[in-house]
Amino acid sequence: MVSDMMTWQITPPLALAAAAMGYLLGSIPFGLILTQAAGLGDVRSIGSGNIGATNVLRTGNKKLAAATLLLDALKASAAAWIVGYFLGGEAGIIAGFFAFIGHLFPVWIGFKGGKGVATYIGTLLGVAPVMVLLFGAVWLAVAFTTRYSSLSALVAMLVIPVALWLLGAEKVAAVMAVMSAISYYKHKANISRLMSGTESKIGAKG
């Protein structure tokens, strides 16, 4: 039986408004915008072809990659904060989720976006900020042990929904679990390389 805490009180019109505002913010392709503004061309033409910070780093510009990571995270946080402030906490959770969806499937560039790690963290910052510390701790522990950035993120995204559920934040846990599943799908190539032992390690050349 589902806990009463899982009962959503938000009305459909407010939920739709939250989703729309979240999606529009999340779909801003900062990685593409920043690399083009810097004269580095279309980031989608290199590496994995996505617009996230990891691929921006393949241009060789660490500052742009860091800026992309920050902006991709903050657009999801902003969606959760702004919508949550005006429409309530449940609306903020919905906005954060759809900012994540907007980043993965941005309408402006053919629905081909990033893999969602930065916007996942940004959504977490917006709706359960203390959990960002847990995400970071898990990421660092796995990265230190294995030197795989992708594996570190995947493990952290597995831990977060469980931790939220155990702490009684069922609504946020459920939303983050769905986000984790979607991000796992977007990381399917990384997972395949991890299983075959061909995934690049942190600090590896080439």
C-alpha atoms as a PDB file:
ATOM      1  CA  MET A   1       0.000   0.000   0.000  1.00  0.00           C
ATOM      2  CA  VAL A   2       1.324   3.407  -1.025  1.00  0.00           C
ATOM      3  CA  SER A   3       1.942   5.828   1.830  1.00  0.00           C
ATOM      4  CA  ASP A   4      -0.384   8.822   2.213  1.00  0.00           C
ATOM      5  CA  MET A   5       2.735  10.947   1.724  1.00  0.00           C
ATOM      6  CA  MET A   6       2.721   9.790  -1.901  1.00  0.00           C
ATOM      7  CA  THR A   7      -0.687  11.414  -2.521  1.00  0.00           C
ATOM      8  CA  TRP A   8      -0.181  14.453  -4.739  1.00  0.00           C
ATOM      9  CA  GLN A   9      -2.372  17.474  -3.979  1.00  0.00           C
ATOM     10  CA  ILE A  10      -1.436  19.653  -6.958  1.00  0.00           C
ATOM     11  CA  THR A  11      -4.197  20.391  -9.486  1.00  0.00           C
ATOM     12  CA  PRO A  12      -3.744  19.357 -13.150  1.00  0.00           C
ATOM     13  CA  PRO A  13      -3.563  22.966 -14.453  1.00  0.00           C
ATOM     14  CA  LEU A  14      -0.802  23.851 -11.979  1.00  0.00           C
ATOM     15  CA  ALA A  15       1.021  20.616 -12.738  1.00  0.00           C
ATOM     16  CA  LEU A  16       0.869  21.382 -16.461  1.00  0.00           C
ATOM     17  CA  ALA A  17       2.133  24.930 -15.897  1.00  0.00           C
ATOM     18  CA  ALA A  18       4.997  23.628 -13.753  1.00  0.00           C
ATOM     19  CA  ALA A  19       5.917  21.041 -16.373  1.00  0.00           C
ATOM     20  CA  ALA A  20       5.908  23.609 -19.178  1.00  0.00           C
ATOM     21  CA  MET A  21       8.056  26.114 -17.287  1.00  0.00           C
ATOM     22  CA  GLY A  22      10.449  23.413 -16.175  1.00  0.00           C
ATOM     23  CA  TYR A  23      10.802  22.008 -19.673  1.00  0.00           C
ATOM     24  CA  LEU A  24      11.451  25.411 -21.245  1.00  0.00           C
ATOM     25  CA  LEU A  25      14.219  26.199 -18.758  1.00  0.00           C
ATOM     26  CA  GLY A  26      15.734  22.738 -18.991  1.00  0.00           C
ATOM     27  CA  SER A  27      15.775  22.714 -22.779  1.00  0.00           C
ATOM     28  CA  ILE A  28      18.207  25.649 -23.021  1.00  0.00           C
ATOM     29  CA  PRO A  29      21.266  23.977 -24.673  1.00  0.00           C
ATOM     30  CA  PHE A  30      24.019  25.791 -22.794  1.00  0.00           C
ATOM     31  CA  GLY A  31      26.761  23.455 -24.034  1.00  0.00           C
ATOM     32  CA  LEU A  32      25.911  24.248 -27.644  1.00  0.00           C
ATOM     33  CA  ILE A  33      25.419  27.963 -26.994  1.00  0.00           C
ATOM     34  CA  LEU A  34      28.715  28.381 -25.147  1.00  0.00           C
ATOM     35  CA  THR A  35      30.861  26.445 -27.615  1.00  0.00           C
ATOM     36  CA  GLN A  36      29.416  28.290 -30.579  1.00  0.00           C
ATOM     37  CA  ALA A  37      29.836  31.647 -28.832  1.00  0.00           C
ATOM     38  CA  ALA A  38      33.480  30.760 -28.170  1.00  0.00           C
ATOM     39  CA  GLY A  39      34.043  29.979 -31.836  1.00  0.00           C
ATOM     40  CA  LEU A  40      34.550  26.255 -31.241  1.00  0.00           C
ATOM     41  CA  GLY A  41      31.838  25.144 -33.641  1.00  0.00           C
ATOM     42  CA  ASP A  42      29.036  22.691 -33.009  1.00  0.00           C
ATOM     43  CA  VAL A  43      29.784  20.486 -29.982  1.00  0.00           C
ATOM     44  CA  ARG A  44      27.429  17.883 -31.427  1.00  0.00           C
ATOM     45  CA  SER A  45      29.962  17.150 -34.169  1.00  0.00           C
ATOM     46  CA  ILE A  46      32.589  15.784 -31.771  1.00  0.00           C
ATOM     47  CA  GLY A  47      32.910  12.965 -29.253  1.00  0.00           C
ATOM     48  CA  SER A  48      29.588  11.496 -28.137  1.00  0.00           C
ATOM     49  CA  GLY A  49      27.663  14.187 -30.016  1.00  0.00           C
ATOM     50  CA  ASN A  50      25.701  15.346 -26.991  1.00  0.00           C
ATOM     51  CA  ILE A  51      25.554  18.839 -25.489  1.00  0.00           C
ATOM     52  CA  GLY A  52      26.676  18.064 -21.941  1.00  0.00           C
ATOM     53  CA  ALA A  53      29.740  19.214 -20.047  1.00  0.00           C
ATOM     54  CA  THR A  54      31.700  15.991 -20.636  1.00  0.00           C
ATOM     55  CA  ASN A  55      31.473  16.443 -24.376  1.00  0.00           C
ATOM     56  CA  VAL A  56      32.224  20.166 -24.134  1.00  0.00           C
ATOM     57  CA  LEU A  57      35.417  19.171 -22.305  1.00  0.00           C
ATOM     58  CA  ARG A  58      36.469  17.318 -25.454  1.00  0.00           C
ATOM     59  CA  THR A  59      36.924  20.712 -27.133  1.00  0.00           C
ATOM     60  CA  GLY A  60      39.882  21.189 -24.780  1.00  0.00           C
ATOM     61  CA  ASN A  61      38.319  24.173 -23.050  1.00  0.00           C
ATOM     62  CA  LYS A  62      37.995  23.301 -19.354  1.00  0.00           C
ATOM     63  CA  LYS A  63      36.446  26.655 -18.445  1.00  0.00           C
ATOM     64  CA  LEU A  64      33.645  26.196 -20.960  1.00  0.00           C
ATOM     65  CA  ALA A  65      33.058  22.654 -19.712  1.00  0.00           C
ATOM     66  CA  ALA A  66      32.839  23.911 -16.123  1.00  0.00           C
ATOM     67  CA  ALA A  67      30.466  26.695 -17.154  1.00  0.00           C
ATOM     68  CA  THR A  68      28.293  24.189 -19.015  1.00  0.00           C
ATOM     69  CA  LEU A  69      28.179  21.902 -15.990  1.00  0.00           C
ATOM     70  CA  LEU A  70      27.199  24.785 -13.702  1.00  0.00           C
ATOM     71  CA  LEU A  71      24.557  26.235 -16.009  1.00  0.00           C
ATOM     72  CA  ASP A  72      23.030  22.845 -16.808  1.00  0.00           C
ATOM     73  CA  ALA A  73      22.710  22.181 -13.087  1.00  0.00           C
ATOM     74  CA  LEU A  74      21.396  25.627 -12.190  1.00  0.00           C
ATOM     75  CA  LYS A  75      18.712  25.664 -14.881  1.00  0.00           C
ATOM     76  CA  ALA A  76      17.090  22.690 -13.158  1.00  0.00           C
ATOM     77  CA  SER A  77      17.581  24.222  -9.708  1.00  0.00           C
ATOM     78  CA  ALA A  78      16.105  27.506 -10.929  1.00  0.00           C
ATOM     79  CA  ALA A  79      13.083  25.710 -12.351  1.00  0.00           C
ATOM     80  CA  ALA A  80      12.438  23.963  -9.024  1.00  0.00           C
ATOM     81  CA  TRP A  81      13.074  27.096  -6.940  1.00  0.00           C
ATOM     82  CA  ILE A  82      11.096  29.586  -9.026  1.00  0.00           C
ATOM     83  CA  VAL A  83       8.115  27.355  -9.728  1.00  0.00           C
ATOM     84  CA  GLY A  84       8.145  26.040  -6.173  1.00  0.00           C
ATOM     85  CA  TYR A  85       8.115  29.580  -4.784  1.00  0.00           C
ATOM     86  CA  PHE A  86       5.115  30.669  -6.828  1.00  0.00           C
ATOM     87  CA  LEU A  87       3.132  27.438  -7.174  1.00  0.00           C
ATOM     88  CA  GLY A  88       4.178  25.336  -4.184  1.00  0.00           C
ATOM     89  CA  GLY A  89       6.561  22.511  -3.341  1.00  0.00           C
ATOM     90  CA  GLU A  90       4.905  19.817  -5.434  1.00  0.00           C
ATOM     91  CA  ALA A  91       4.992  22.095  -8.464  1.00  0.00           C
ATOM     92  CA  GLY A  92       8.689  22.652  -7.817  1.00  0.00           C
ATOM     93  CA  ILE A  93       9.355  18.911  -7.899  1.00  0.00           C
ATOM     94  CA  ILE A  94       7.468  18.618 -11.186  1.00  0.00           C
ATOM     95  CA  ALA A  95       9.340  21.588 -12.663  1.00  0.00           C
ATOM     96  CA  GLY A  96      12.697  20.083 -11.692  1.00  0.00           C
ATOM     97  CA  PHE A  97      11.750  16.784 -13.304  1.00  0.00           C
ATOM     98  CA  PHE A  98      10.699  18.436 -16.541  1.00  0.00           C
ATOM     99  CA  ALA A  99      13.821  20.599 -16.587  1.00  0.00           C
ATOM    100  CA  PHE A 100      15.716  17.301 -16.576  1.00  0.00           C
ATOM    101  CA  ILE A 101      13.530  16.033 -19.429  1.00  0.00           C
ATOM    102  CA  GLY A 102      14.046  19.283 -21.317  1.00  0.00           C
ATOM    103  CA  HIS A 103      17.823  18.887 -21.093  1.00  0.00           C
ATOM    104  CA  LEU A 104      17.699  15.322 -22.374  1.00  0.00           C
ATOM    105  CA  PHE A 105      15.181  16.041 -25.128  1.00  0.00           C
ATOM    106  CA  PRO A 106      15.365  19.758 -26.063  1.00  0.00           C
ATOM    107  CA  VAL A 107      12.820  20.712 -28.707  1.00  0.00           C
ATOM    108  CA  TRP A 108      15.110  23.411 -30.145  1.00  0.00           C
ATOM    109  CA  ILE A 109      17.746  20.954 -31.395  1.00  0.00           C
ATOM    110  CA  GLY A 110      15.764  17.933 -32.498  1.00  0.00           C
ATOM    111  CA  PHE A 111      15.227  16.415 -29.041  1.00  0.00           C
ATOM    112  CA  LYS A 112      18.868  15.310 -28.870  1.00  0.00           C
ATOM    113  CA  GLY A 113      20.390  16.605 -25.653  1.00  0.00           C
ATOM    114  CA  GLY A 114      22.719  15.509 -22.878  1.00  0.00           C
ATOM    115  CA  LYS A 115      22.744  12.522 -20.535  1.00  0.00           C
ATOM    116  CA  GLY A 116      21.316  14.365 -17.571  1.00  0.00           C
ATOM    117  CA  VAL A 117      23.867  14.113 -14.756  1.00  0.00           C
ATOM    118  CA  ALA A 118      24.215  17.876 -14.243  1.00  0.00           C
ATOM    119  CA  THR A 119      20.468  18.517 -14.408  1.00  0.00           C
ATOM    120  CA  TYR A 120      19.897  15.544 -12.092  1.00  0.00           C
ATOM    121  CA  ILE A 121      22.166  17.193  -9.522  1.00  0.00           C
ATOM    122  CA  GLY A 122      20.509  20.546 -10.178  1.00  0.00           C
ATOM    123  CA  THR A 123      17.047  19.118  -9.604  1.00  0.00           C
ATOM    124  CA  LEU A 124      18.288  17.490  -6.413  1.00  0.00           C
ATOM    125  CA  LEU A 125      19.690  20.845  -5.294  1.00  0.00           C
ATOM    126  CA  GLY A 126      16.324  22.440  -5.940  1.00  0.00           C
ATOM    127  CA  VAL A 127      14.135  19.922  -4.111  1.00  0.00           C
ATOM    128  CA  ALA A 128      16.402  18.138  -1.590  1.00  0.00           C
ATOM    129  CA  PRO A 129      19.655  20.127  -1.301  1.00  0.00           C
ATOM    130  CA  VAL A 130      21.224  18.073   1.493  1.00  0.00           C
ATOM    131  CA  MET A 131      21.169  15.045  -0.817  1.00  0.00           C
ATOM    132  CA  VAL A 132      23.641  16.796  -3.120  1.00  0.00           C
ATOM    133  CA  LEU A 133      26.269  16.156  -0.444  1.00  0.00           C
ATOM    134  CA  LEU A 134      25.450  12.448  -0.486  1.00  0.00           C
ATOM    135  CA  PHE A 135      25.581  12.396  -4.281  1.00  0.00           C
ATOM    136  CA  GLY A 136      29.003  14.065  -4.185  1.00  0.00           C
ATOM    137  CA  ALA A 137      30.306  11.707  -1.502  1.00  0.00           C
ATOM    138  CA  VAL A 138      29.205   8.610  -3.418  1.00  0.00           C
ATOM    139  CA  TRP A 139      30.572   9.987  -6.687  1.00  0.00           C
ATOM    140  CA  LEU A 140      33.954  10.740  -5.132  1.00  0.00           C
ATOM    141  CA  ALA A 141      34.180   7.365  -3.394  1.00  0.00           C
ATOM    142  CA  VAL A 142      33.437   5.412  -6.570  1.00  0.00           C
ATOM    143  CA  ALA A 143      35.632   7.663  -8.717  1.00  0.00           C
ATOM    144  CA  PHE A 144      38.555   7.312  -6.307  1.00  0.00           C
ATOM    145  CA  THR A 145      38.155   3.537  -6.301  1.00  0.00           C
ATOM    146  CA  THR A 146      37.493   2.882  -9.998  1.00  0.00           C
ATOM    147  CA  ARG A 147      38.454   6.094 -11.851  1.00  0.00           C
ATOM    148  CA  TYR A 148      35.277   5.802 -13.932  1.00  0.00           C
ATOM    149  CA  SER A 149      33.279   9.036 -14.036  1.00  0.00           C
ATOM    150  CA  SER A 150      30.247   7.423 -15.640  1.00  0.00           C
ATOM    151  CA  LEU A 151      30.134   4.594 -13.103  1.00  0.00           C
ATOM    152  CA  SER A 152      30.443   7.102 -10.271  1.00  0.00           C
ATOM    153  CA  ALA A 153      27.385   9.005 -11.503  1.00  0.00           C
ATOM    154  CA  LEU A 154      25.410   5.820 -12.128  1.00  0.00           C
ATOM    155  CA  VAL A 155      26.055   4.503  -8.624  1.00  0.00           C
ATOM    156  CA  ALA A 156      25.180   7.876  -7.071  1.00  0.00           C
ATOM    157  CA  MET A 157      21.909   7.957  -9.025  1.00  0.00           C
ATOM    158  CA  LEU A 158      21.114   4.515  -7.654  1.00  0.00           C
ATOM    159  CA  VAL A 159      21.789   5.535  -4.049  1.00  0.00           C
ATOM    160  CA  ILE A 160      19.888   8.829  -4.011  1.00  0.00           C
ATOM    161  CA  PRO A 161      16.294   7.550  -4.484  1.00  0.00           C
ATOM    162  CA  VAL A 162      16.857   4.831  -1.880  1.00  0.00           C
ATOM    163  CA  ALA A 163      18.237   7.348   0.626  1.00  0.00           C
ATOM    164  CA  LEU A 164      15.330   9.734   0.020  1.00  0.00           C
ATOM    165  CA  TRP A 165      12.809   6.939   0.478  1.00  0.00           C
ATOM    166  CA  LEU A 166      14.403   5.802   3.723  1.00  0.00           C
ATOM    167  CA  LEU A 167      14.287   9.397   4.981  1.00  0.00           C
ATOM    168  CA  GLY A 168      10.559   9.583   4.295  1.00  0.00           C
ATOM    169  CA  ALA A 169      10.679  11.872   1.247  1.00  0.00           C
ATOM    170  CA  GLU A 170       8.598   9.492  -0.874  1.00  0.00           C
ATOM    171  CA  LYS A 171       7.481  11.976  -3.528  1.00  0.00           C
ATOM    172  CA  VAL A 172      10.973  13.237  -4.232  1.00  0.00           C
ATOM    173  CA  ALA A 173      12.338   9.680  -4.078  1.00  0.00           C
ATOM    174  CA  ALA A 174       9.831   8.482  -6.672  1.00  0.00           C
ATOM    175  CA  VAL A 175      10.631  11.348  -9.041  1.00  0.00           C
ATOM    176  CA  MET A 176      14.393  10.908  -8.649  1.00  0.00           C
ATOM    177  CA  ALA A 177      14.020   7.147  -9.225  1.00  0.00           C
ATOM    178  CA  VAL A 178      12.316   7.812 -12.555  1.00  0.00           C
ATOM    179  CA  MET A 179      15.058  10.298 -13.444  1.00  0.00           C
ATOM    180  CA  SER A 180      17.707   7.729 -12.530  1.00  0.00           C
ATOM    181  CA  ALA A 181      16.084   5.149 -14.802  1.00  0.00           C
ATOM    182  CA  ILE A 182      15.937   7.586 -17.710  1.00  0.00           C
ATOM    183  CA  SER A 183      19.551   8.632 -17.205  1.00  0.00           C
ATOM    184  CA  TYR A 184      20.596   4.973 -17.087  1.00  0.00           C
ATOM    185  CA  TYR A 185      18.973   4.575 -20.501  1.00  0.00           C
ATOM    186  CA  LYS A 186      20.847   7.616 -21.811  1.00  0.00           C
ATOM    187  CA  HIS A 187      24.068   6.074 -20.463  1.00  0.00           C
ATOM    188  CA  LYS A 188      23.509   2.726 -22.187  1.00  0.00           C
ATOM    189  CA  ALA A 189      26.629   3.143 -24.344  1.00  0.00           C
ATOM    190  CA  ASN A 190      28.708   3.906 -21.243  1.00  0.00           C
ATOM    191  CA  ILE A 191      27.242   0.888 -19.471  1.00  0.00           C
ATOM    192  CA  SER A 192      28.126  -1.305 -22.440  1.00  0.00           C
ATOM    193  CA  ARG A 193      31.713  -0.017 -22.401  1.00  0.00           C
ATOM    194  CA  LEU A 194      31.947  -0.492 -18.634  1.00  0.00           C
ATOM    195  CA  MET A 195      30.879  -4.102 -19.038  1.00  0.00           C
ATOM    196  CA  SER A 196      33.407  -4.685 -21.808  1.00  0.00           C
ATOM    197  CA  GLY A 197      36.202  -2.843 -19.982  1.00  0.00           C
ATOM    198  CA  THR A 198      36.624  -0.216 -22.704  1.00  0.00           C
ATOM    199  CA  GLU A 199      35.180   2.821 -20.890  1.00  0.00           C
ATOM    200  CA  SER A 200      37.656   5.697 -20.549  1.00  0.00           C
ATOM    201  CA  LYS A 201      38.970   6.344 -17.063  1.00  0.00           C
ATOM    202  CA  ILE A 202      39.373   9.719 -15.397  1.00  0.00           C
ATOM    203  CA  GLY A 203      42.672  11.231 -16.469  1.00  0.00           C
ATOM    204  CA  ALA A 204      43.124   8.871 -19.418  1.00  0.00           C
ATOM    205  CA  LYS A 205      44.613  10.341 -22.576  1.00  0.00           C
ATOM    206  CA  GLY A 206      43.016  10.267 -25.964  1.00  0.00           C
END
